[in-house]
Amino acid sequence: MRRAIVVPPVLAADALDELKRWLAITTTRDDASLEALLRAALDTCEAFTRIMPLEAECEEVLPAMRGWQSLVATPVQAITAMEAITSDSARTPLDPGQYLLDIAADGCGRVHLLASPAVSRVSVRFTAGLAPDWAGLPEGIRHGVLRLAAHHYRQRNEGGGQAPPAAVVALWQPWRRMRVA
């Protein structure tokens, strides 16, 4: 299973204010749609870079098997809990002596069950994200999110392609993590 966001990141008013300045909007009429565009741009940033821009509390459900298993979301800041999930979806916290945790320098999180529990799945709760808030985002990431949200706002009646514009891709490219199959 891919990660699920349990507690979404807080999108500070700074982000909306910055986007409104970029678009020269002074009214509050479009605030809700502009915030939705910012969230969509953050999701697109994550899909492109394979890095969660803003910290959020997440959960991944993994098979309950011995050995190291990597979490999909990065960068992991902290792994906070593991639970066994029964066939009827009941959850029981795992004793910390039943598993090992590892967060590599590049933010990849891994868990290792020392013994196979009597269940088929385990839940891993963790915090992941590059920055705790909007102001903490690196300039290239933040500016790319703003440009993409502004692009979608300007193109809202045009339709158009789903790929980020080249200027946004150039801002995010240094942050992009590649996967080797």
N, C-alpha and C. Protein backbone atom coordinates (compact mmCIF):
# COMPACT_ATOMS: atom_id res chain seq x y z
N MET A 1 0.84 -1.19 0.00
CA MET A 1 0.00 0.00 0.00
C MET A 1 0.88 1.24 0.00
N ARG A 2 0.46 2.22 -0.70
CA ARG A 2 1.13 3.51 -0.66
C ARG A 2 0.78 4.20 0.65
N ARG A 3 1.43 5.27 0.91
CA ARG A 3 1.18 5.97 2.15
C ARG A 3 -0.17 6.66 2.14
N ALA A 4 -0.74 6.74 3.32
CA ALA A 4 -1.97 7.50 3.53
C ALA A 4 -1.63 8.63 4.48
N ILE A 5 -2.15 9.80 4.23
CA ILE A 5 -1.91 10.92 5.13
C ILE A 5 -2.96 10.88 6.22
N VAL A 6 -2.51 10.75 7.46
CA VAL A 6 -3.39 10.68 8.62
C VAL A 6 -3.71 12.09 9.12
N VAL A 7 -2.69 12.92 9.23
CA VAL A 7 -2.86 14.33 9.61
C VAL A 7 -2.18 15.16 8.52
N PRO A 8 -2.97 15.85 7.70
CA PRO A 8 -2.38 16.59 6.58
C PRO A 8 -1.52 17.76 7.04
N PRO A 9 -0.63 18.22 6.16
CA PRO A 9 0.19 19.37 6.54
C PRO A 9 -0.65 20.63 6.63
N VAL A 10 -0.21 21.53 7.45
CA VAL A 10 -0.88 22.82 7.59
C VAL A 10 -0.34 23.72 6.48
N LEU A 11 -1.25 24.26 5.69
CA LEU A 11 -0.85 25.20 4.65
C LEU A 11 -1.08 26.60 5.22
N ALA A 12 0.01 27.24 5.60
CA ALA A 12 -0.06 28.53 6.28
C ALA A 12 -0.64 29.60 5.37
N ALA A 13 -1.16 30.63 5.99
CA ALA A 13 -1.71 31.77 5.24
C ALA A 13 -0.63 32.41 4.39
N ASP A 14 0.65 32.26 4.77
CA ASP A 14 1.77 32.82 3.99
C ASP A 14 1.72 32.32 2.55
N ALA A 15 1.41 31.04 2.37
CA ALA A 15 1.39 30.45 1.03
C ALA A 15 0.31 31.11 0.17
N LEU A 16 -0.87 31.24 0.72
CA LEU A 16 -1.96 31.87 -0.02
C LEU A 16 -1.63 33.33 -0.31
N ASP A 17 -1.09 34.03 0.67
CA ASP A 17 -0.71 35.44 0.46
C ASP A 17 0.33 35.58 -0.63
N GLU A 18 1.31 34.68 -0.63
CA GLU A 18 2.37 34.73 -1.64
C GLU A 18 1.80 34.47 -3.04
N LEU A 19 0.89 33.51 -3.16
CA LEU A 19 0.26 33.22 -4.45
C LEU A 19 -0.59 34.40 -4.91
N LYS A 20 -1.33 35.01 -4.00
CA LYS A 20 -2.15 36.16 -4.37
C LYS A 20 -1.28 37.33 -4.82
N ARG A 21 -0.13 37.55 -4.19
CA ARG A 21 0.78 38.60 -4.64
C ARG A 21 1.30 38.28 -6.04
N TRP A 22 1.65 37.01 -6.28
CA TRP A 22 2.16 36.58 -7.59
C TRP A 22 1.12 36.84 -8.68
N LEU A 23 -0.16 36.60 -8.35
CA LEU A 23 -1.24 36.77 -9.32
C LEU A 23 -1.85 38.18 -9.30
N ALA A 24 -1.39 39.04 -8.40
CA ALA A 24 -1.92 40.40 -8.23
C ALA A 24 -3.41 40.38 -7.90
N ILE A 25 -3.79 39.49 -6.98
CA ILE A 25 -5.17 39.39 -6.52
C ILE A 25 -5.25 40.03 -5.14
N THR A 26 -6.21 40.92 -4.96
CA THR A 26 -6.34 41.62 -3.68
C THR A 26 -7.61 41.27 -2.93
N THR A 27 -8.52 40.55 -3.56
CA THR A 27 -9.78 40.20 -2.89
C THR A 27 -9.68 38.80 -2.28
N THR A 28 -10.65 38.47 -1.45
CA THR A 28 -10.69 37.14 -0.84
C THR A 28 -11.64 36.20 -1.57
N ARG A 29 -12.26 36.67 -2.64
CA ARG A 29 -13.28 35.92 -3.37
C ARG A 29 -12.78 34.54 -3.82
N ASP A 30 -11.54 34.44 -4.27
CA ASP A 30 -11.01 33.18 -4.83
C ASP A 30 -10.12 32.41 -3.85
N ASP A 31 -10.12 32.78 -2.59
CA ASP A 31 -9.20 32.15 -1.64
C ASP A 31 -9.33 30.63 -1.57
N ALA A 32 -10.55 30.13 -1.54
CA ALA A 32 -10.75 28.68 -1.43
C ALA A 32 -10.19 27.96 -2.65
N SER A 33 -10.46 28.48 -3.84
CA SER A 33 -9.95 27.82 -5.04
C SER A 33 -8.44 27.97 -5.17
N LEU A 34 -7.90 29.09 -4.74
CA LEU A 34 -6.44 29.28 -4.77
C LEU A 34 -5.74 28.32 -3.80
N GLU A 35 -6.34 28.13 -2.62
CA GLU A 35 -5.76 27.17 -1.67
C GLU A 35 -5.82 25.76 -2.23
N ALA A 36 -6.91 25.41 -2.89
CA ALA A 36 -7.02 24.09 -3.52
C ALA A 36 -5.95 23.93 -4.61
N LEU A 37 -5.68 24.98 -5.36
CA LEU A 37 -4.64 24.92 -6.39
C LEU A 37 -3.25 24.76 -5.76
N LEU A 38 -3.02 25.41 -4.63
CA LEU A 38 -1.75 25.23 -3.92
C LEU A 38 -1.58 23.79 -3.45
N ARG A 39 -2.63 23.21 -2.90
CA ARG A 39 -2.56 21.81 -2.45
C ARG A 39 -2.33 20.87 -3.63
N ALA A 40 -3.00 21.13 -4.74
CA ALA A 40 -2.79 20.31 -5.93
C ALA A 40 -1.36 20.45 -6.45
N ALA A 41 -0.83 21.66 -6.40
CA ALA A 41 0.55 21.89 -6.84
C ALA A 41 1.54 21.18 -5.91
N LEU A 42 1.26 21.15 -4.62
CA LEU A 42 2.10 20.41 -3.68
C LEU A 42 2.06 18.91 -3.99
N ASP A 43 0.87 18.39 -4.32
CA ASP A 43 0.74 16.98 -4.70
C ASP A 43 1.52 16.68 -5.98
N THR A 44 1.45 17.59 -6.94
CA THR A 44 2.19 17.41 -8.19
C THR A 44 3.69 17.45 -7.92
N CYS A 45 4.11 18.34 -7.05
CA CYS A 45 5.52 18.42 -6.66
C CYS A 45 5.98 17.10 -6.07
N GLU A 46 5.18 16.53 -5.18
CA GLU A 46 5.54 15.24 -4.58
C GLU A 46 5.61 14.14 -5.64
N ALA A 47 4.65 14.12 -6.55
CA ALA A 47 4.66 13.10 -7.59
C ALA A 47 5.88 13.24 -8.49
N PHE A 48 6.29 14.46 -8.78
CA PHE A 48 7.43 14.69 -9.66
C PHE A 48 8.76 14.41 -8.96
N THR A 49 8.92 14.93 -7.75
CA THR A 49 10.21 14.82 -7.05
C THR A 49 10.33 13.54 -6.23
N ARG A 50 9.20 12.92 -5.90
CA ARG A 50 9.13 11.77 -5.00
C ARG A 50 9.58 12.15 -3.58
N ILE A 51 9.32 13.40 -3.23
CA ILE A 51 9.61 13.94 -1.90
C ILE A 51 8.37 14.67 -1.43
N MET A 52 7.93 14.37 -0.20
CA MET A 52 6.81 15.12 0.37
C MET A 52 7.32 16.51 0.74
N PRO A 53 6.74 17.56 0.18
CA PRO A 53 7.26 18.89 0.50
C PRO A 53 7.03 19.31 1.96
N LEU A 54 5.80 19.20 2.45
CA LEU A 54 5.48 19.65 3.81
C LEU A 54 5.26 18.45 4.72
N GLU A 55 5.72 18.56 5.95
CA GLU A 55 5.59 17.47 6.92
C GLU A 55 4.13 17.16 7.21
N ALA A 56 3.85 15.86 7.27
CA ALA A 56 2.52 15.36 7.59
C ALA A 56 2.68 14.05 8.33
N GLU A 57 1.67 13.70 9.11
CA GLU A 57 1.66 12.39 9.76
C GLU A 57 1.07 11.38 8.77
N CYS A 58 1.80 10.31 8.54
CA CYS A 58 1.43 9.34 7.52
C CYS A 58 1.33 7.93 8.10
N GLU A 59 0.76 7.05 7.28
CA GLU A 59 0.68 5.64 7.62
C GLU A 59 0.87 4.82 6.35
N GLU A 60 1.63 3.74 6.48
CA GLU A 60 1.74 2.77 5.41
C GLU A 60 1.43 1.40 6.01
N VAL A 61 0.71 0.59 5.25
CA VAL A 61 0.41 -0.77 5.66
C VAL A 61 1.32 -1.69 4.84
N LEU A 62 2.07 -2.52 5.55
CA LEU A 62 3.04 -3.41 4.92
C LEU A 62 2.71 -4.86 5.24
N PRO A 63 3.20 -5.79 4.42
CA PRO A 63 3.03 -7.20 4.77
C PRO A 63 3.80 -7.51 6.06
N ALA A 64 3.23 -8.35 6.90
CA ALA A 64 3.87 -8.72 8.17
C ALA A 64 4.86 -9.86 7.90
N MET A 65 6.07 -9.47 7.46
CA MET A 65 7.08 -10.48 7.19
C MET A 65 8.42 -10.03 7.75
N ARG A 66 9.24 -10.99 8.03
CA ARG A 66 10.57 -10.69 8.57
C ARG A 66 11.40 -9.99 7.51
N GLY A 67 12.37 -9.23 7.97
CA GLY A 67 13.29 -8.56 7.05
C GLY A 67 12.97 -7.08 6.93
N TRP A 68 13.92 -6.38 6.32
CA TRP A 68 13.78 -4.94 6.15
C TRP A 68 12.78 -4.62 5.03
N GLN A 69 11.93 -3.66 5.30
CA GLN A 69 10.98 -3.15 4.30
C GLN A 69 11.07 -1.63 4.31
N SER A 70 11.15 -1.05 3.13
CA SER A 70 11.27 0.40 3.00
C SER A 70 9.90 1.06 2.90
N LEU A 71 9.80 2.23 3.50
CA LEU A 71 8.60 3.04 3.38
C LEU A 71 8.65 3.78 2.05
N VAL A 72 7.50 4.02 1.46
CA VAL A 72 7.44 4.69 0.16
C VAL A 72 7.69 6.19 0.31
N ALA A 73 7.08 6.81 1.30
CA ALA A 73 7.18 8.26 1.47
C ALA A 73 8.56 8.65 1.97
N THR A 74 9.05 9.78 1.47
CA THR A 74 10.31 10.35 1.93
C THR A 74 10.19 11.87 1.94
N PRO A 75 11.01 12.56 2.65
CA PRO A 75 11.94 12.07 3.66
C PRO A 75 11.23 11.83 4.99
N VAL A 76 11.52 10.72 5.60
CA VAL A 76 10.93 10.35 6.88
C VAL A 76 11.68 11.12 7.98
N GLN A 77 10.93 11.76 8.84
CA GLN A 77 11.51 12.51 9.96
C GLN A 77 11.52 11.67 11.24
N ALA A 78 10.47 10.87 11.43
CA ALA A 78 10.36 10.03 12.63
C ALA A 78 9.37 8.91 12.37
N ILE A 79 9.69 7.72 12.87
CA ILE A 79 8.75 6.60 12.84
C ILE A 79 8.20 6.50 14.25
N THR A 80 6.89 6.63 14.39
CA THR A 80 6.31 6.81 15.71
C THR A 80 5.59 5.59 16.28
N ALA A 81 5.11 4.67 15.42
CA ALA A 81 4.37 3.53 15.95
C ALA A 81 4.26 2.43 14.91
N MET A 82 4.12 1.20 15.41
CA MET A 82 3.82 0.05 14.56
C MET A 82 2.71 -0.74 15.22
N GLU A 83 1.75 -1.19 14.40
CA GLU A 83 0.62 -1.97 14.90
C GLU A 83 0.41 -3.19 14.02
N ALA A 84 0.02 -4.29 14.66
CA ALA A 84 -0.40 -5.48 13.92
C ALA A 84 -1.86 -5.29 13.53
N ILE A 85 -2.20 -5.68 12.31
CA ILE A 85 -3.58 -5.56 11.83
C ILE A 85 -4.12 -6.97 11.59
N THR A 86 -5.19 -7.30 12.31
CA THR A 86 -5.80 -8.62 12.17
C THR A 86 -6.68 -8.67 10.92
N SER A 87 -7.16 -9.86 10.58
CA SER A 87 -8.00 -10.03 9.39
C SER A 87 -9.31 -9.24 9.47
N ASP A 88 -9.78 -8.96 10.69
CA ASP A 88 -11.00 -8.16 10.84
C ASP A 88 -10.67 -6.67 11.04
N SER A 89 -9.44 -6.28 10.72
CA SER A 89 -8.95 -4.89 10.76
C SER A 89 -8.75 -4.34 12.17
N ALA A 90 -8.78 -5.19 13.18
CA ALA A 90 -8.46 -4.73 14.54
C ALA A 90 -6.95 -4.47 14.61
N ARG A 91 -6.58 -3.49 15.41
CA ARG A 91 -5.17 -3.10 15.52
C ARG A 91 -4.67 -3.29 16.94
N THR A 92 -3.43 -3.80 17.01
CA THR A 92 -2.78 -4.00 18.29
C THR A 92 -1.36 -3.45 18.19
N PRO A 93 -0.97 -2.57 19.13
CA PRO A 93 0.40 -2.04 19.07
C PRO A 93 1.44 -3.17 19.20
N LEU A 94 2.48 -3.09 18.39
CA LEU A 94 3.58 -4.05 18.49
C LEU A 94 4.54 -3.59 19.58
N ASP A 95 5.07 -4.53 20.31
CA ASP A 95 6.07 -4.24 21.33
C ASP A 95 7.34 -3.77 20.62
N PRO A 96 7.98 -2.71 21.10
CA PRO A 96 9.20 -2.23 20.45
C PRO A 96 10.31 -3.28 20.33
N GLY A 97 10.28 -4.32 21.14
CA GLY A 97 11.26 -5.39 21.04
C GLY A 97 11.01 -6.32 19.86
N GLN A 98 9.90 -6.13 19.15
CA GLN A 98 9.56 -7.00 18.03
C GLN A 98 10.03 -6.46 16.68
N TYR A 99 10.59 -5.26 16.68
CA TYR A 99 10.99 -4.67 15.40
C TYR A 99 12.17 -3.72 15.58
N LEU A 100 12.80 -3.41 14.45
CA LEU A 100 13.87 -2.41 14.39
C LEU A 100 13.42 -1.31 13.43
N LEU A 101 13.90 -0.10 13.68
CA LEU A 101 13.59 1.04 12.83
C LEU A 101 14.88 1.65 12.33
N ASP A 102 14.84 2.22 11.13
CA ASP A 102 16.02 2.87 10.59
C ASP A 102 15.58 4.02 9.70
N ILE A 103 16.21 5.16 9.87
CA ILE A 103 16.02 6.29 8.97
C ILE A 103 17.40 6.66 8.44
N ALA A 104 17.59 6.48 7.15
CA ALA A 104 18.89 6.75 6.53
C ALA A 104 19.11 8.26 6.40
N ALA A 105 20.34 8.64 6.14
CA ALA A 105 20.69 10.05 6.01
C ALA A 105 19.91 10.74 4.89
N ASP A 106 19.50 9.99 3.88
CA ASP A 106 18.73 10.58 2.77
C ASP A 106 17.23 10.62 3.05
N GLY A 107 16.81 10.22 4.24
CA GLY A 107 15.40 10.29 4.62
C GLY A 107 14.57 9.05 4.32
N CYS A 108 15.20 8.00 3.83
CA CYS A 108 14.48 6.76 3.58
C CYS A 108 14.25 6.04 4.91
N GLY A 109 12.99 5.71 5.18
CA GLY A 109 12.65 4.99 6.40
C GLY A 109 12.50 3.50 6.12
N ARG A 110 12.95 2.69 7.07
CA ARG A 110 12.82 1.23 6.93
C ARG A 110 12.40 0.65 8.27
N VAL A 111 11.67 -0.47 8.18
CA VAL A 111 11.29 -1.22 9.38
C VAL A 111 11.68 -2.67 9.18
N HIS A 112 11.99 -3.34 10.28
CA HIS A 112 12.42 -4.74 10.22
C HIS A 112 11.70 -5.49 11.33
N LEU A 113 10.83 -6.42 10.95
CA LEU A 113 10.18 -7.27 11.94
C LEU A 113 11.15 -8.38 12.32
N LEU A 114 11.35 -8.56 13.60
CA LEU A 114 12.30 -9.58 14.06
C LEU A 114 11.70 -10.97 14.04
N ALA A 115 10.38 -11.05 14.12
CA ALA A 115 9.68 -12.33 14.02
C ALA A 115 8.37 -12.07 13.31
N SER A 116 7.90 -13.03 12.55
CA SER A 116 6.63 -12.85 11.86
C SER A 116 5.48 -12.95 12.86
N PRO A 117 4.70 -11.86 13.00
CA PRO A 117 3.56 -11.93 13.92
C PRO A 117 2.47 -12.82 13.32
N ALA A 118 1.48 -13.12 14.12
CA ALA A 118 0.39 -14.00 13.69
C ALA A 118 -0.65 -13.26 12.87
N VAL A 119 -0.25 -12.21 12.20
CA VAL A 119 -1.14 -11.44 11.33
C VAL A 119 -0.47 -11.30 9.96
N SER A 120 -1.22 -10.83 8.99
CA SER A 120 -0.64 -10.71 7.65
C SER A 120 -0.20 -9.30 7.30
N ARG A 121 -0.62 -8.31 8.12
CA ARG A 121 -0.25 -6.93 7.81
C ARG A 121 0.14 -6.17 9.07
N VAL A 122 1.00 -5.17 8.89
CA VAL A 122 1.35 -4.24 9.96
C VAL A 122 1.19 -2.82 9.45
N SER A 123 0.88 -1.94 10.37
CA SER A 123 0.74 -0.52 10.07
C SER A 123 1.95 0.21 10.64
N VAL A 124 2.53 1.11 9.86
CA VAL A 124 3.65 1.93 10.31
C VAL A 124 3.20 3.38 10.28
N ARG A 125 3.27 4.05 11.42
CA ARG A 125 2.94 5.47 11.51
C ARG A 125 4.25 6.25 11.57
N PHE A 126 4.28 7.35 10.83
CA PHE A 126 5.51 8.14 10.79
C PHE A 126 5.21 9.56 10.34
N THR A 127 6.18 10.43 10.57
CA THR A 127 6.12 11.80 10.08
C THR A 127 7.10 11.90 8.92
N ALA A 128 6.63 12.46 7.81
CA ALA A 128 7.49 12.63 6.65
C ALA A 128 7.25 14.00 6.05
N GLY A 129 8.28 14.54 5.43
CA GLY A 129 8.19 15.83 4.75
C GLY A 129 9.51 16.56 4.79
N LEU A 130 9.74 17.35 3.78
CA LEU A 130 11.00 18.07 3.65
C LEU A 130 11.09 19.25 4.63
N ALA A 131 9.98 19.93 4.85
CA ALA A 131 9.99 21.11 5.72
C ALA A 131 8.76 21.09 6.63
N PRO A 132 8.91 21.64 7.83
CA PRO A 132 7.77 21.66 8.75
C PRO A 132 6.67 22.63 8.35
N ASP A 133 7.02 23.65 7.56
CA ASP A 133 6.02 24.64 7.16
C ASP A 133 6.42 25.29 5.84
N TRP A 134 5.53 26.12 5.32
CA TRP A 134 5.73 26.78 4.04
C TRP A 134 7.03 27.58 4.01
N ALA A 135 7.29 28.34 5.06
CA ALA A 135 8.49 29.19 5.10
C ALA A 135 9.77 28.36 5.09
N GLY A 136 9.71 27.11 5.54
CA GLY A 136 10.89 26.26 5.60
C GLY A 136 11.22 25.54 4.30
N LEU A 137 10.32 25.63 3.30
CA LEU A 137 10.58 24.96 2.03
C LEU A 137 11.75 25.61 1.30
N PRO A 138 12.58 24.82 0.64
CA PRO A 138 13.64 25.41 -0.19
C PRO A 138 13.02 26.29 -1.28
N GLU A 139 13.74 27.34 -1.65
CA GLU A 139 13.22 28.31 -2.63
C GLU A 139 12.74 27.66 -3.92
N GLY A 140 13.50 26.73 -4.47
CA GLY A 140 13.13 26.12 -5.74
C GLY A 140 11.81 25.36 -5.64
N ILE A 141 11.63 24.63 -4.56
CA ILE A 141 10.39 23.87 -4.36
C ILE A 141 9.22 24.85 -4.19
N ARG A 142 9.40 25.82 -3.29
CA ARG A 142 8.31 26.76 -3.00
C ARG A 142 7.94 27.57 -4.24
N HIS A 143 8.94 28.06 -4.94
CA HIS A 143 8.65 28.89 -6.11
C HIS A 143 8.00 28.05 -7.22
N GLY A 144 8.42 26.80 -7.36
CA GLY A 144 7.79 25.91 -8.35
C GLY A 144 6.33 25.65 -8.02
N VAL A 145 6.02 25.45 -6.74
CA VAL A 145 4.63 25.25 -6.32
C VAL A 145 3.80 26.49 -6.64
N LEU A 146 4.34 27.68 -6.33
CA LEU A 146 3.63 28.92 -6.63
C LEU A 146 3.39 29.08 -8.13
N ARG A 147 4.42 28.84 -8.92
CA ARG A 147 4.28 29.00 -10.37
C ARG A 147 3.27 28.02 -10.95
N LEU A 148 3.29 26.78 -10.44
CA LEU A 148 2.34 25.79 -10.96
C LEU A 148 0.90 26.16 -10.57
N ALA A 149 0.69 26.57 -9.33
CA ALA A 149 -0.65 26.99 -8.90
C ALA A 149 -1.11 28.19 -9.73
N ALA A 150 -0.22 29.15 -9.96
CA ALA A 150 -0.57 30.33 -10.77
C ALA A 150 -0.87 29.91 -12.21
N HIS A 151 -0.09 29.00 -12.75
CA HIS A 151 -0.32 28.50 -14.11
C HIS A 151 -1.72 27.88 -14.22
N HIS A 152 -2.08 27.04 -13.26
CA HIS A 152 -3.40 26.41 -13.30
C HIS A 152 -4.52 27.43 -13.13
N TYR A 153 -4.27 28.43 -12.31
CA TYR A 153 -5.28 29.48 -12.13
C TYR A 153 -5.50 30.23 -13.44
N ARG A 154 -4.42 30.58 -14.12
CA ARG A 154 -4.53 31.32 -15.38
C ARG A 154 -5.11 30.47 -16.50
N GLN A 155 -4.88 29.17 -16.43
CA GLN A 155 -5.35 28.27 -17.49
C GLN A 155 -6.69 27.60 -17.14
N ARG A 156 -7.36 28.05 -16.10
CA ARG A 156 -8.55 27.36 -15.60
C ARG A 156 -9.66 27.22 -16.63
N ASN A 157 -9.76 28.11 -17.59
CA ASN A 157 -10.80 28.03 -18.61
C ASN A 157 -10.29 27.46 -19.93
N GLU A 158 -9.00 27.18 -20.00
CA GLU A 158 -8.38 26.74 -21.24
C GLU A 158 -8.29 25.23 -21.37
N GLY A 159 -8.28 24.52 -20.25
CA GLY A 159 -7.96 23.09 -20.30
C GLY A 159 -6.45 22.96 -20.38
N GLY A 160 -5.96 22.09 -21.24
CA GLY A 160 -4.53 22.01 -21.43
C GLY A 160 -3.93 20.78 -20.82
N GLY A 161 -2.62 20.67 -20.95
CA GLY A 161 -1.88 19.49 -20.50
C GLY A 161 -1.77 19.38 -19.00
N GLN A 162 -1.47 18.20 -18.55
CA GLN A 162 -1.34 17.92 -17.12
C GLN A 162 0.09 18.07 -16.62
N ALA A 163 1.06 18.05 -17.54
CA ALA A 163 2.46 18.12 -17.13
C ALA A 163 2.79 19.53 -16.64
N PRO A 164 3.67 19.62 -15.63
CA PRO A 164 4.09 20.95 -15.18
C PRO A 164 4.83 21.69 -16.29
N PRO A 165 4.70 23.01 -16.35
CA PRO A 165 5.45 23.79 -17.35
C PRO A 165 6.96 23.61 -17.16
N ALA A 166 7.70 23.85 -18.21
CA ALA A 166 9.16 23.65 -18.19
C ALA A 166 9.84 24.47 -17.09
N ALA A 167 9.35 25.67 -16.83
CA ALA A 167 9.96 26.51 -15.78
C ALA A 167 9.81 25.86 -14.40
N VAL A 168 8.68 25.20 -14.17
CA VAL A 168 8.46 24.52 -12.89
C VAL A 168 9.35 23.28 -12.81
N VAL A 169 9.41 22.53 -13.89
CA VAL A 169 10.26 21.33 -13.93
C VAL A 169 11.72 21.71 -13.64
N ALA A 170 12.17 22.83 -14.21
CA ALA A 170 13.56 23.27 -13.99
C ALA A 170 13.81 23.59 -12.52
N LEU A 171 12.81 24.15 -11.85
CA LEU A 171 12.97 24.47 -10.42
C LEU A 171 13.00 23.22 -9.55
N TRP A 172 12.22 22.19 -9.94
CA TRP A 172 12.12 20.97 -9.14
C TRP A 172 13.16 19.92 -9.49
N GLN A 173 13.74 20.00 -10.66
CA GLN A 173 14.66 18.95 -11.13
C GLN A 173 15.79 18.64 -10.14
N PRO A 174 16.42 19.63 -9.51
CA PRO A 174 17.50 19.29 -8.57
C PRO A 174 17.04 18.45 -7.37
N TRP A 175 15.76 18.46 -7.08
CA TRP A 175 15.21 17.74 -5.93
C TRP A 175 14.66 16.37 -6.30
N ARG A 176 14.60 16.07 -7.58
CA ARG A 176 13.96 14.85 -8.05
C ARG A 176 14.78 13.62 -7.66
N ARG A 177 14.09 12.64 -7.07
CA ARG A 177 14.70 11.37 -6.72
C ARG A 177 14.33 10.35 -7.79
N MET A 178 15.33 9.68 -8.29
CA MET A 178 15.09 8.67 -9.31
C MET A 178 15.01 7.31 -8.65
N ARG A 179 14.23 6.42 -9.26
CA ARG A 179 14.11 5.05 -8.77
C ARG A 179 14.70 4.11 -9.81
N VAL A 180 15.46 3.16 -9.34
CA VAL A 180 16.02 2.16 -10.22
C VAL A 180 15.14 0.91 -10.11
N ALA A 181 14.66 0.44 -11.23
CA ALA A 181 13.76 -0.72 -11.21
C ALA A 181 14.52 -2.01 -11.09
